[in-house]
Structures are given as structure tokens and as C-alpha cells.
Amino acid sequence: MILLLTASTLAAQDVESLHQFNAIYKPNARWNLQGNFRLRSNRNLTNLFELRGGPVASYTLNPRLSLIAGYYYTGQEPRLQPVFLPQHRGFGGFQTPLIKNRKMSLDARTLVERFFKTPSGSFTRTRQRLYWQRQRAAFMPYASVEGLYARQRATFRLGLGLLRQLSPQLQMAMGYELRHYPNGSLGHILTTNLQFVQKPEN
């Protein structure tokens, strides 16, 4: 990460960070209820420019299909204005496992999102993601590729990193994401994810 930050600074490129915190409650085998909160920084990790939070729910219809729905409230600082502007996002879609065994998993996810009250107006975005993860190891590598389409523009995101199961309830991940923005520029993002899962006691 230090090498990436140094190299990007020398090349006059910005390095961002994305820190996510998830609290998940599973009342039974079908429902997955999640509270999500995240922070983003830019200007080589020196400026906090986005706060986001909201609920997400998924329901497993069968072993091959889960439905997803949620809402995010976002406070984001425009690139040229030192103020946080509120945004609202509702979304829904589905996820299906393509491969799942003791060694690895590969999931496909499709979402449709609706953005409200953004600085440039309301709009709809679709996104399709493939997510691969190593299973049942001390350190579990992951990789993802995602395509997004909004306002007649297509962008992509590539991610990779490592997950560590710290306890039966607590998981931590660290990684890197290459993000293609609608204006054609590329973003280098250092990511962390801390996830707590609570299941009802038997």
C-alpha cells in the first residue's frame, strides 16, 4: 500500500481509501439483515469526502437464488466544494452462486439502483458483478470484477485482496480496487472491511 501511494503521488495520481463496517443479523437460514456504514477519503488519503450508511436485506428463495433490497443515505463532498451534499439511493436485485464447494466460491450479482437528489439530478444505474473467494483457509484471497451502466456510459471496477476470519462472528478484509469513473479517469482505492455477524442462539 505504501508503494502504491508513493508511486501514484510521484505520477500525480490520487490515491483514495474506502473503509466499510457491516453488522449482519441472521434470524434464520433465509434472511440476512445488514447495517452498512462506510467512509471514503481522497487527496492521497488526507481528505474525508464521503459518508454513507443504510440497511440492506437479502432473502434466499432457494440454494440458487437470493433477492436483495436496500437503501443508502450518502453525504458527499463535490470535488470543488468543501460542503457535504445529501444523496439517496434505493436498490434491488438478485445474487446467484455459480460455483460453491469447500475450496472456493464464485457468485454473480445483478443490481438496479435509483439515485435521488444528486447534484446532477436523479438517475438509474445497473451493475453486474462476479465475485470469487477462496474458502476454508487461514487467509482467503478474493477477486471481483464489476460492470456499471448509467446515463449511456459504461464503467468498471476491479478488486482483489485478502480476508481473515478473526472469530466465528468477526471477519476482516484488506484490498485494492481499480475504479473507472464516468469521466474516463481511473481511481486507485485502498479498501478495508470489518464485518460482524450475529446469529440467534440455539
C-alpha atoms as a PDB file:
ATOM      1  CA  MET A   1       0.000   0.000   0.000  1.00  0.00           C
ATOM      2  CA  ILE A   2       2.890   2.347   0.801  1.00  0.00           C
ATOM      3  CA  LEU A   3       4.473   1.560  -2.579  1.00  0.00           C
ATOM      4  CA  LEU A   4       1.154   2.278  -4.347  1.00  0.00           C
ATOM      5  CA  LEU A   5       0.719   5.586  -2.529  1.00  0.00           C
ATOM      6  CA  THR A   6       4.308   6.663  -3.281  1.00  0.00           C
ATOM      7  CA  ALA A   7       4.161   5.656  -6.945  1.00  0.00           C
ATOM      8  CA  SER A   8       0.781   7.341  -7.501  1.00  0.00           C
ATOM      9  CA  THR A   9       1.929  10.538  -5.793  1.00  0.00           C
ATOM     10  CA  LEU A  10       5.027  10.711  -7.995  1.00  0.00           C
ATOM     11  CA  ALA A  11       2.838  10.161 -11.060  1.00  0.00           C
ATOM     12  CA  ALA A  12       0.452  12.949  -9.915  1.00  0.00           C
ATOM     13  CA  GLN A  13      -2.381  10.427  -9.400  1.00  0.00           C
ATOM     14  CA  ASP A  14      -4.740  10.477  -6.440  1.00  0.00           C
ATOM     15  CA  VAL A  15      -4.991   7.571  -4.006  1.00  0.00           C
ATOM     16  CA  GLU A  16      -8.315   7.086  -2.218  1.00  0.00           C
ATOM     17  CA  SER A  17      -9.452   4.885   0.649  1.00  0.00           C
ATOM     18  CA  LEU A  18     -12.716   3.061   1.323  1.00  0.00           C
ATOM     19  CA  HIS A  19     -13.454   1.718   4.824  1.00  0.00           C
ATOM     20  CA  GLN A  20     -16.614  -0.347   5.315  1.00  0.00           C
ATOM     21  CA  PHE A  21     -18.266  -1.594   8.505  1.00  0.00           C
ATOM     22  CA  ASN A  22     -21.049  -4.188   8.324  1.00  0.00           C
ATOM     23  CA  ALA A  23     -23.221  -5.537  11.124  1.00  0.00           C
ATOM     24  CA  ILE A  24     -25.223  -8.575   9.995  1.00  0.00           C
ATOM     25  CA  TYR A  25     -28.033 -10.369  11.787  1.00  0.00           C
ATOM     26  CA  LYS A  26     -29.294 -13.737  10.547  1.00  0.00           C
ATOM     27  CA  PRO A  27     -32.583 -14.588  12.285  1.00  0.00           C
ATOM     28  CA  ASN A  28     -32.850 -17.818  10.278  1.00  0.00           C
ATOM     29  CA  ALA A  29     -31.337 -19.622   7.287  1.00  0.00           C
ATOM     30  CA  ARG A  30     -33.203 -17.499   4.723  1.00  0.00           C
ATOM     31  CA  TRP A  31     -32.950 -13.905   5.981  1.00  0.00           C
ATOM     32  CA  ASN A  32     -29.812 -11.772   6.098  1.00  0.00           C
ATOM     33  CA  LEU A  33     -30.296  -8.287   7.634  1.00  0.00           C
ATOM     34  CA  GLN A  34     -27.403  -5.864   7.392  1.00  0.00           C
ATOM     35  CA  GLY A  35     -26.498  -2.383   8.581  1.00  0.00           C
ATOM     36  CA  ASN A  36     -23.799  -0.814   6.391  1.00  0.00           C
ATOM     37  CA  PHE A  37     -21.597   2.194   7.100  1.00  0.00           C
ATOM     38  CA  ARG A  38     -18.632   3.445   5.109  1.00  0.00           C
ATOM     39  CA  LEU A  39     -16.087   6.251   4.906  1.00  0.00           C
ATOM     40  CA  ARG A  40     -14.174   7.408   1.820  1.00  0.00           C
ATOM     41  CA  SER A  41     -11.152   9.677   1.553  1.00  0.00           C
ATOM     42  CA  ASN A  42      -9.234  11.184  -1.372  1.00  0.00           C
ATOM     43  CA  ARG A  43      -6.328  13.606  -1.966  1.00  0.00           C
ATOM     44  CA  ASN A  44      -3.895  10.832  -1.082  1.00  0.00           C
ATOM     45  CA  LEU A  45      -5.889   9.778   1.999  1.00  0.00           C
ATOM     46  CA  THR A  46      -5.893  13.266   3.568  1.00  0.00           C
ATOM     47  CA  ASN A  47      -9.494  14.395   2.875  1.00  0.00           C
ATOM     48  CA  LEU A  48     -12.725  12.742   4.064  1.00  0.00           C
ATOM     49  CA  PHE A  49     -15.221  13.308   1.246  1.00  0.00           C
ATOM     50  CA  GLU A  50     -17.984  10.710   1.661  1.00  0.00           C
ATOM     51  CA  LEU A  51     -20.065   9.166   4.445  1.00  0.00           C
ATOM     52  CA  ARG A  52     -22.661   6.508   3.665  1.00  0.00           C
ATOM     53  CA  GLY A  53     -24.977   4.281   5.637  1.00  0.00           C
ATOM     54  CA  GLY A  54     -28.172   2.309   5.395  1.00  0.00           C
ATOM     55  CA  PRO A  55     -29.978  -1.040   5.706  1.00  0.00           C
ATOM     56  CA  VAL A  56     -29.672  -3.980   3.300  1.00  0.00           C
ATOM     57  CA  ALA A  57     -31.773  -7.161   3.351  1.00  0.00           C
ATOM     58  CA  SER A  58     -31.446 -10.375   1.390  1.00  0.00           C
ATOM     59  CA  TYR A  59     -33.777 -13.358   1.253  1.00  0.00           C
ATOM     60  CA  THR A  60     -32.778 -16.812  -0.023  1.00  0.00           C
ATOM     61  CA  LEU A  61     -35.521 -18.200  -2.220  1.00  0.00           C
ATOM     62  CA  ASN A  62     -33.602 -21.407  -2.920  1.00  0.00           C
ATOM     63  CA  PRO A  63     -29.939 -22.546  -2.971  1.00  0.00           C
ATOM     64  CA  ARG A  64     -29.504 -20.941  -6.415  1.00  0.00           C
ATOM     65  CA  LEU A  65     -31.170 -17.555  -5.915  1.00  0.00           C
ATOM     66  CA  SER A  66     -31.234 -14.763  -3.307  1.00  0.00           C
ATOM     67  CA  LEU A  67     -33.145 -11.477  -3.554  1.00  0.00           C
ATOM     68  CA  ILE A  68     -31.502  -8.217  -2.396  1.00  0.00           C
ATOM     69  CA  ALA A  69     -33.016  -4.823  -1.486  1.00  0.00           C
ATOM     70  CA  GLY A  70     -31.722  -1.807   0.377  1.00  0.00           C
ATOM     71  CA  TYR A  71     -31.315   1.928   0.843  1.00  0.00           C
ATOM     72  CA  TYR A  72     -28.282   4.191   1.332  1.00  0.00           C
ATOM     73  CA  TYR A  73     -28.093   7.739   2.592  1.00  0.00           C
ATOM     74  CA  THR A  74     -24.893   9.431   1.404  1.00  0.00           C
ATOM     75  CA  GLY A  75     -23.221  12.684   2.328  1.00  0.00           C
ATOM     76  CA  GLN A  76     -20.658  13.525  -0.320  1.00  0.00           C
ATOM     77  CA  GLU A  77     -18.361  16.472  -0.882  1.00  0.00           C
ATOM     78  CA  PRO A  78     -18.182  17.618  -4.532  1.00  0.00           C
ATOM     79  CA  ARG A  79     -14.665  17.857  -5.888  1.00  0.00           C
ATOM     80  CA  LEU A  80     -14.662  21.666  -5.900  1.00  0.00           C
ATOM     81  CA  GLN A  81     -16.922  22.470  -2.922  1.00  0.00           C
ATOM     82  CA  PRO A  82     -15.996  21.953   0.767  1.00  0.00           C
ATOM     83  CA  VAL A  83     -19.564  21.006   1.777  1.00  0.00           C
ATOM     84  CA  PHE A  84     -21.375  17.678   2.173  1.00  0.00           C
ATOM     85  CA  LEU A  85     -24.412  17.267  -0.080  1.00  0.00           C
ATOM     86  CA  PRO A  86     -27.028  14.594   0.752  1.00  0.00           C
ATOM     87  CA  GLN A  87     -27.972  11.860  -1.713  1.00  0.00           C
ATOM     88  CA  HIS A  88     -30.465   8.995  -1.545  1.00  0.00           C
ATOM     89  CA  ARG A  89     -30.153   5.608  -3.231  1.00  0.00           C
ATOM     90  CA  GLY A  90     -32.607   2.725  -3.348  1.00  0.00           C
ATOM     91  CA  PHE A  91     -31.677  -0.569  -4.987  1.00  0.00           C
ATOM     92  CA  GLY A  92     -32.798  -4.119  -5.632  1.00  0.00           C
ATOM     93  CA  GLY A  93     -31.626  -7.217  -7.453  1.00  0.00           C
ATOM     94  CA  PHE A  94     -30.520 -10.793  -7.029  1.00  0.00           C
ATOM     95  CA  GLN A  95     -27.465 -12.954  -6.448  1.00  0.00           C
ATOM     96  CA  THR A  96     -26.754 -16.496  -7.535  1.00  0.00           C
ATOM     97  CA  PRO A  97     -23.848 -18.875  -6.773  1.00  0.00           C
ATOM     98  CA  LEU A  98     -22.115 -20.146  -9.924  1.00  0.00           C
ATOM     99  CA  ILE A  99     -19.584 -22.325  -8.084  1.00  0.00           C
ATOM    100  CA  LYS A 100     -19.568 -23.278  -4.411  1.00  0.00           C
ATOM    101  CA  ASN A 101     -17.516 -26.014  -2.771  1.00  0.00           C
ATOM    102  CA  ARG A 102     -15.088 -26.483   0.127  1.00  0.00           C
ATOM    103  CA  LYS A 103     -12.230 -24.718  -1.699  1.00  0.00           C
ATOM    104  CA  MET A 104     -13.809 -21.749  -3.474  1.00  0.00           C
ATOM    105  CA  SER A 105     -16.957 -19.832  -4.354  1.00  0.00           C
ATOM    106  CA  LEU A 106     -17.965 -17.742  -7.372  1.00  0.00           C
ATOM    107  CA  ASP A 107     -21.092 -15.560  -7.176  1.00  0.00           C
ATOM    108  CA  ALA A 108     -22.882 -13.395  -9.734  1.00  0.00           C
ATOM    109  CA  ARG A 109     -24.860 -10.331  -8.586  1.00  0.00           C
ATOM    110  CA  THR A 110     -27.172  -8.039 -10.544  1.00  0.00           C
ATOM    111  CA  LEU A 111     -28.489  -4.762  -9.106  1.00  0.00           C
ATOM    112  CA  VAL A 112     -30.627  -1.869 -10.334  1.00  0.00           C
ATOM    113  CA  GLU A 113     -30.108   1.383  -8.396  1.00  0.00           C
ATOM    114  CA  ARG A 114     -32.064   4.623  -8.365  1.00  0.00           C
ATOM    115  CA  PHE A 115     -30.256   7.793  -7.222  1.00  0.00           C
ATOM    116  CA  PHE A 116     -32.301  10.734  -5.914  1.00  0.00           C
ATOM    117  CA  LYS A 117     -31.333  14.374  -5.294  1.00  0.00           C
ATOM    118  CA  THR A 118     -27.773  14.109  -6.529  1.00  0.00           C
ATOM    119  CA  PRO A 119     -26.012  17.352  -7.600  1.00  0.00           C
ATOM    120  CA  SER A 120     -26.612  16.397 -11.241  1.00  0.00           C
ATOM    121  CA  GLY A 121     -30.182  15.144 -10.770  1.00  0.00           C
ATOM    122  CA  SER A 122     -31.858  11.754 -10.378  1.00  0.00           C
ATOM    123  CA  PHE A 123     -30.780   8.770 -12.479  1.00  0.00           C
ATOM    124  CA  THR A 124     -30.796   4.956 -12.686  1.00  0.00           C
ATOM    125  CA  ARG A 125     -27.735   2.707 -12.729  1.00  0.00           C
ATOM    126  CA  THR A 126     -27.368  -1.034 -13.381  1.00  0.00           C
ATOM    127  CA  ARG A 127     -24.438  -3.132 -12.200  1.00  0.00           C
ATOM    128  CA  GLN A 128     -23.280  -6.697 -12.741  1.00  0.00           C
ATOM    129  CA  ARG A 129     -20.582  -8.243 -10.544  1.00  0.00           C
ATOM    130  CA  LEU A 130     -18.638 -11.511 -10.402  1.00  0.00           C
ATOM    131  CA  TYR A 131     -17.023 -12.262  -7.023  1.00  0.00           C
ATOM    132  CA  TRP A 132     -14.547 -15.089  -6.373  1.00  0.00           C
ATOM    133  CA  GLN A 133     -13.298 -16.137  -2.942  1.00  0.00           C
ATOM    134  CA  ARG A 134     -11.059 -18.885  -1.576  1.00  0.00           C
ATOM    135  CA  GLN A 135     -12.735 -20.867   1.181  1.00  0.00           C
ATOM    136  CA  ARG A 136     -11.601 -22.504   4.433  1.00  0.00           C
ATOM    137  CA  ALA A 137      -8.059 -21.105   4.651  1.00  0.00           C
ATOM    138  CA  ALA A 138      -6.189 -19.019   7.212  1.00  0.00           C
ATOM    139  CA  PHE A 139      -6.055 -16.136   4.721  1.00  0.00           C
ATOM    140  CA  MET A 140      -8.698 -16.211   1.999  1.00  0.00           C
ATOM    141  CA  PRO A 141      -7.898 -14.261  -1.199  1.00  0.00           C
ATOM    142  CA  TYR A 142     -10.756 -12.701  -3.142  1.00  0.00           C
ATOM    143  CA  ALA A 143     -11.180 -11.031  -6.529  1.00  0.00           C
ATOM    144  CA  SER A 144     -14.066  -9.184  -8.154  1.00  0.00           C
ATOM    145  CA  VAL A 145     -14.920  -7.619 -11.487  1.00  0.00           C
ATOM    146  CA  GLU A 146     -17.945  -5.355 -11.922  1.00  0.00           C
ATOM    147  CA  GLY A 147     -19.507  -3.513 -14.828  1.00  0.00           C
ATOM    148  CA  LEU A 148     -21.773  -0.478 -14.295  1.00  0.00           C
ATOM    149  CA  TYR A 149     -24.008   1.399 -16.735  1.00  0.00           C
ATOM    150  CA  ALA A 150     -25.647   4.794 -16.171  1.00  0.00           C
ATOM    151  CA  ARG A 151     -26.530   7.752 -18.390  1.00  0.00           C
ATOM    152  CA  GLN A 152     -25.345   5.923 -21.517  1.00  0.00           C
ATOM    153  CA  ARG A 153     -21.875   5.416 -20.040  1.00  0.00           C
ATOM    154  CA  ALA A 154     -20.262   2.127 -19.048  1.00  0.00           C
ATOM    155  CA  THR A 155     -17.600   1.889 -16.341  1.00  0.00           C
ATOM    156  CA  PHE A 156     -15.864  -0.940 -14.492  1.00  0.00           C
ATOM    157  CA  ARG A 157     -14.315  -1.838 -11.138  1.00  0.00           C
ATOM    158  CA  LEU A 158     -11.637  -4.435 -10.422  1.00  0.00           C
ATOM    159  CA  GLY A 159     -10.811  -5.537  -6.886  1.00  0.00           C
ATOM    160  CA  LEU A 160      -8.575  -8.003  -5.069  1.00  0.00           C
ATOM    161  CA  GLY A 161      -7.488  -8.614  -1.511  1.00  0.00           C
ATOM    162  CA  LEU A 162      -7.335 -10.945   1.477  1.00  0.00           C
ATOM    163  CA  LEU A 163      -9.935 -11.933   4.075  1.00  0.00           C
ATOM    164  CA  ARG A 164      -9.214 -13.189   7.567  1.00  0.00           C
ATOM    165  CA  GLN A 165     -11.762 -14.867   9.833  1.00  0.00           C
ATOM    166  CA  LEU A 166     -10.820 -13.431  13.228  1.00  0.00           C
ATOM    167  CA  SER A 167     -13.555 -15.313  15.103  1.00  0.00           C
ATOM    168  CA  PRO A 168     -16.832 -17.102  14.244  1.00  0.00           C
ATOM    169  CA  GLN A 169     -18.562 -13.691  14.324  1.00  0.00           C
ATOM    170  CA  LEU A 170     -15.864 -11.317  13.078  1.00  0.00           C
ATOM    171  CA  GLN A 171     -14.236 -11.059   9.637  1.00  0.00           C
ATOM    172  CA  MET A 172     -11.739  -8.523   8.307  1.00  0.00           C
ATOM    173  CA  ALA A 173     -10.624  -7.827   4.729  1.00  0.00           C
ATOM    174  CA  MET A 174      -7.998  -5.578   3.165  1.00  0.00           C
ATOM    175  CA  GLY A 175      -7.515  -4.962  -0.531  1.00  0.00           C
ATOM    176  CA  TYR A 176      -7.123  -2.742  -3.564  1.00  0.00           C
ATOM    177  CA  GLU A 177      -9.688  -1.541  -6.101  1.00  0.00           C
ATOM    178  CA  LEU A 178      -9.143  -0.027  -9.522  1.00  0.00           C
ATOM    179  CA  ARG A 179     -12.177   2.116 -10.317  1.00  0.00           C
ATOM    180  CA  HIS A 180     -13.051   3.528 -13.752  1.00  0.00           C
ATOM    181  CA  TYR A 181     -15.021   6.778 -13.405  1.00  0.00           C
ATOM    182  CA  PRO A 182     -17.602   8.150 -15.896  1.00  0.00           C
ATOM    183  CA  ASN A 183     -15.237  10.972 -16.936  1.00  0.00           C
ATOM    184  CA  GLY A 184     -12.695   8.384 -18.098  1.00  0.00           C
ATOM    185  CA  SER A 185     -10.233   8.739 -15.222  1.00  0.00           C
ATOM    186  CA  LEU A 186      -9.023   5.828 -13.064  1.00  0.00           C
ATOM    187  CA  GLY A 187      -9.091   5.729  -9.271  1.00  0.00           C
ATOM    188  CA  HIS A 188      -6.715   3.784  -7.036  1.00  0.00           C
ATOM    189  CA  ILE A 189      -8.525   2.809  -3.827  1.00  0.00           C
ATOM    190  CA  LEU A 190      -7.187   1.091  -0.705  1.00  0.00           C
ATOM    191  CA  THR A 191     -10.031  -0.844   0.941  1.00  0.00           C
ATOM    192  CA  THR A 192     -10.813  -2.330   4.340  1.00  0.00           C
ATOM    193  CA  ASN A 193     -13.907  -4.168   5.515  1.00  0.00           C
ATOM    194  CA  LEU A 194     -14.816  -5.141   9.073  1.00  0.00           C
ATOM    195  CA  GLN A 195     -17.857  -7.416   9.316  1.00  0.00           C
ATOM    196  CA  PHE A 196     -19.696  -8.681  12.387  1.00  0.00           C
ATOM    197  CA  VAL A 197     -22.252 -11.484  12.035  1.00  0.00           C
ATOM    198  CA  GLN A 198     -24.733 -12.373  14.775  1.00  0.00           C
ATOM    199  CA  LYS A 199     -26.917 -15.469  14.673  1.00  0.00           C
ATOM    200  CA  PRO A 200     -29.643 -16.370  17.176  1.00  0.00           C
ATOM    201  CA  GLU A 201     -28.581 -18.787  19.883  1.00  0.00           C
ATOM    202  CA  ASN A 202     -29.954 -22.298  19.523  1.00  0.00           C
END
